[in-house]
Amino acid sequence: MKAVPAWLSYSVYRVLLFAVPLAILLALQITWWIAALVAALIGVCLSYLFLRRPRERVALGLYQARHPAQETPHPDAESEDASIDRAAGDALQRERQGE
């Protein structure tokens, strides 16, 4: 059986941390929009306190999706970078000598 994706479990926890306080507040016959605001505040606070690990797993998954692991760099990349740095250093030195 496949493991549940981190984003799915985190989303379910977040919905539950909003829905349970909302249901309790509505059962206490508090006005719906006040109950929704208070439930949202409660949900944010509880998720900040108790969902650190799932939130970090989701963030890591998003980061890895946006920045896939690069393959080995091109063999000439290091020498090209060194040449560019050397040329920039030479240009800066000539500019300083000209002042």
C-alpha atoms as a PDB file:
ATOM      1  CA  MET A   1       0.000   0.000   0.000  1.00  0.00           C
ATOM      2  CA  LYS A   2       1.289   3.465  -0.894  1.00  0.00           C
ATOM      3  CA  ALA A   3       2.019   6.037   1.779  1.00  0.00           C
ATOM      4  CA  VAL A   4      -0.250   9.066   1.927  1.00  0.00           C
ATOM      5  CA  PRO A   5       1.402  12.161   0.378  1.00  0.00           C
ATOM      6  CA  ALA A   6       2.552  14.724   2.923  1.00  0.00           C
ATOM      7  CA  TRP A   7       0.464  17.512   1.366  1.00  0.00           C
ATOM      8  CA  LEU A   8      -2.705  15.436   1.630  1.00  0.00           C
ATOM      9  CA  SER A   9      -2.291  14.513   5.288  1.00  0.00           C
ATOM     10  CA  TYR A  10      -1.314  18.096   6.158  1.00  0.00           C
ATOM     11  CA  SER A  11      -4.392  19.432   4.350  1.00  0.00           C
ATOM     12  CA  VAL A  12      -6.677  16.986   6.156  1.00  0.00           C
ATOM     13  CA  TYR A  13      -5.204  17.972   9.532  1.00  0.00           C
ATOM     14  CA  ARG A  14      -5.655  21.660   8.730  1.00  0.00           C
ATOM     15  CA  VAL A  15      -9.285  21.154   7.701  1.00  0.00           C
ATOM     16  CA  LEU A  16      -9.961  19.181  10.874  1.00  0.00           C
ATOM     17  CA  LEU A  17      -8.334  21.837  13.036  1.00  0.00           C
ATOM     18  CA  PHE A  18     -10.788  24.318  11.512  1.00  0.00           C
ATOM     19  CA  ALA A  19     -13.898  22.143  11.244  1.00  0.00           C
ATOM     20  CA  VAL A  20     -13.925  20.764  14.798  1.00  0.00           C
ATOM     21  CA  PRO A  21     -13.830  24.177  16.544  1.00  0.00           C
ATOM     22  CA  LEU A  22     -16.352  25.490  14.010  1.00  0.00           C
ATOM     23  CA  ALA A  23     -18.748  22.632  14.766  1.00  0.00           C
ATOM     24  CA  ILE A  24     -18.368  23.193  18.499  1.00  0.00           C
ATOM     25  CA  LEU A  25     -18.948  26.944  18.189  1.00  0.00           C
ATOM     26  CA  LEU A  26     -21.965  26.438  15.949  1.00  0.00           C
ATOM     27  CA  ALA A  27     -23.351  23.869  18.425  1.00  0.00           C
ATOM     28  CA  LEU A  28     -23.071  26.587  21.071  1.00  0.00           C
ATOM     29  CA  GLN A  29     -25.280  28.714  18.776  1.00  0.00           C
ATOM     30  CA  ILE A  30     -22.714  31.420  18.116  1.00  0.00           C
ATOM     31  CA  THR A  31     -23.337  33.550  15.025  1.00  0.00           C
ATOM     32  CA  TRP A  32     -21.928  31.690  11.999  1.00  0.00           C
ATOM     33  CA  TRP A  33     -19.495  34.381  10.829  1.00  0.00           C
ATOM     34  CA  ILE A  34     -18.104  34.949  14.326  1.00  0.00           C
ATOM     35  CA  ALA A  35     -17.798  31.181  14.772  1.00  0.00           C
ATOM     36  CA  ALA A  36     -15.954  30.935  11.437  1.00  0.00           C
ATOM     37  CA  LEU A  37     -13.493  33.688  12.379  1.00  0.00           C
ATOM     38  CA  VAL A  38     -12.822  32.227  15.814  1.00  0.00           C
ATOM     39  CA  ALA A  39     -12.484  28.702  14.362  1.00  0.00           C
ATOM     40  CA  ALA A  40     -10.017  30.004  11.767  1.00  0.00           C
ATOM     41  CA  LEU A  41      -7.909  31.654  14.488  1.00  0.00           C
ATOM     42  CA  ILE A  42      -8.012  28.510  16.601  1.00  0.00           C
ATOM     43  CA  GLY A  43      -7.082  26.386  13.590  1.00  0.00           C
ATOM     44  CA  VAL A  44      -4.119  28.580  12.672  1.00  0.00           C
ATOM     45  CA  CYS A  45      -2.804  28.579  16.232  1.00  0.00           C
ATOM     46  CA  LEU A  46      -3.195  24.825  16.683  1.00  0.00           C
ATOM     47  CA  SER A  47      -1.646  24.023  13.319  1.00  0.00           C
ATOM     48  CA  TYR A  48       1.314  26.274  14.108  1.00  0.00           C
ATOM     49  CA  LEU A  49       1.810  24.495  17.420  1.00  0.00           C
ATOM     50  CA  PHE A  50       1.150  20.883  16.473  1.00  0.00           C
ATOM     51  CA  LEU A  51       1.779  20.492  12.745  1.00  0.00           C
ATOM     52  CA  ARG A  52       5.410  21.529  12.486  1.00  0.00           C
ATOM     53  CA  ARG A  53       6.709  18.224  11.094  1.00  0.00           C
ATOM     54  CA  PRO A  54       3.991  17.784   8.456  1.00  0.00           C
ATOM     55  CA  ARG A  55       4.417  21.431   7.429  1.00  0.00           C
ATOM     56  CA  GLU A  56       8.172  20.930   7.033  1.00  0.00           C
ATOM     57  CA  ARG A  57       7.627  17.768   4.954  1.00  0.00           C
ATOM     58  CA  VAL A  58       5.251  19.648   2.660  1.00  0.00           C
ATOM     59  CA  ALA A  59       7.700  22.546   2.355  1.00  0.00           C
ATOM     60  CA  LEU A  60      10.534  20.159   1.531  1.00  0.00           C
ATOM     61  CA  GLY A  61       8.413  18.430  -1.097  1.00  0.00           C
ATOM     62  CA  LEU A  62       7.522  21.769  -2.678  1.00  0.00           C
ATOM     63  CA  TYR A  63      11.164  22.837  -2.679  1.00  0.00           C
ATOM     64  CA  GLN A  64      12.265  19.586  -4.291  1.00  0.00           C
ATOM     65  CA  ALA A  65       9.539  19.914  -6.923  1.00  0.00           C
ATOM     66  CA  ARG A  66      10.659  23.447  -7.791  1.00  0.00           C
ATOM     67  CA  HIS A  67      14.391  22.639  -7.666  1.00  0.00           C
ATOM     68  CA  PRO A  68      14.937  19.131  -9.015  1.00  0.00           C
ATOM     69  CA  ALA A  69      18.309  17.589  -8.296  1.00  0.00           C
ATOM     70  CA  GLN A  70      20.649  18.590 -11.055  1.00  0.00           C
ATOM     71  CA  GLU A  71      22.737  15.996 -12.763  1.00  0.00           C
ATOM     72  CA  THR A  72      26.490  16.182 -12.666  1.00  0.00           C
ATOM     73  CA  PRO A  73      27.728  19.533 -13.918  1.00  0.00           C
ATOM     74  CA  HIS A  74      29.280  19.890 -17.336  1.00  0.00           C
ATOM     75  CA  PRO A  75      32.992  18.993 -17.220  1.00  0.00           C
ATOM     76  CA  ASP A  76      34.005  22.441 -18.467  1.00  0.00           C
ATOM     77  CA  ALA A  77      31.709  24.365 -16.119  1.00  0.00           C
ATOM     78  CA  GLU A  78      34.317  24.792 -13.393  1.00  0.00           C
ATOM     79  CA  SER A  79      37.025  26.034 -15.757  1.00  0.00           C
ATOM     80  CA  GLU A  80      34.544  28.381 -17.469  1.00  0.00           C
ATOM     81  CA  ASP A  81      33.519  29.839 -14.109  1.00  0.00           C
ATOM     82  CA  ALA A  82      37.179  30.331 -13.200  1.00  0.00           C
ATOM     83  CA  SER A  83      37.824  32.091 -16.544  1.00  0.00           C
ATOM     84  CA  ILE A  84      34.853  34.404 -16.048  1.00  0.00           C
ATOM     85  CA  ASP A  85      35.945  35.227 -12.496  1.00  0.00           C
ATOM     86  CA  ARG A  86      39.494  35.892 -13.683  1.00  0.00           C
ATOM     87  CA  ALA A  87      38.266  38.183 -16.485  1.00  0.00           C
ATOM     88  CA  ALA A  88      36.021  40.090 -14.085  1.00  0.00           C
ATOM     89  CA  GLY A  89      38.927  40.480 -11.648  1.00  0.00           C
ATOM     90  CA  ASP A  90      41.212  41.735 -14.423  1.00  0.00           C
ATOM     91  CA  ALA A  91      38.577  44.255 -15.570  1.00  0.00           C
ATOM     92  CA  LEU A  92      38.132  45.505 -12.018  1.00  0.00           C
ATOM     93  CA  GLN A  93      41.888  45.859 -11.584  1.00  0.00           C
ATOM     94  CA  ARG A  94      42.219  47.826 -14.861  1.00  0.00           C
ATOM     95  CA  GLU A  95      39.352  50.072 -13.783  1.00  0.00           C
ATOM     96  CA  ARG A  96      41.043  50.801 -10.447  1.00  0.00           C
ATOM     97  CA  GLN A  97      44.357  51.567 -12.157  1.00  0.00           C
ATOM     98  CA  GLY A  98      42.627  53.989 -14.492  1.00  0.00           C
ATOM     99  CA  GLU A  99      41.202  56.067 -11.589  1.00  0.00           C
END
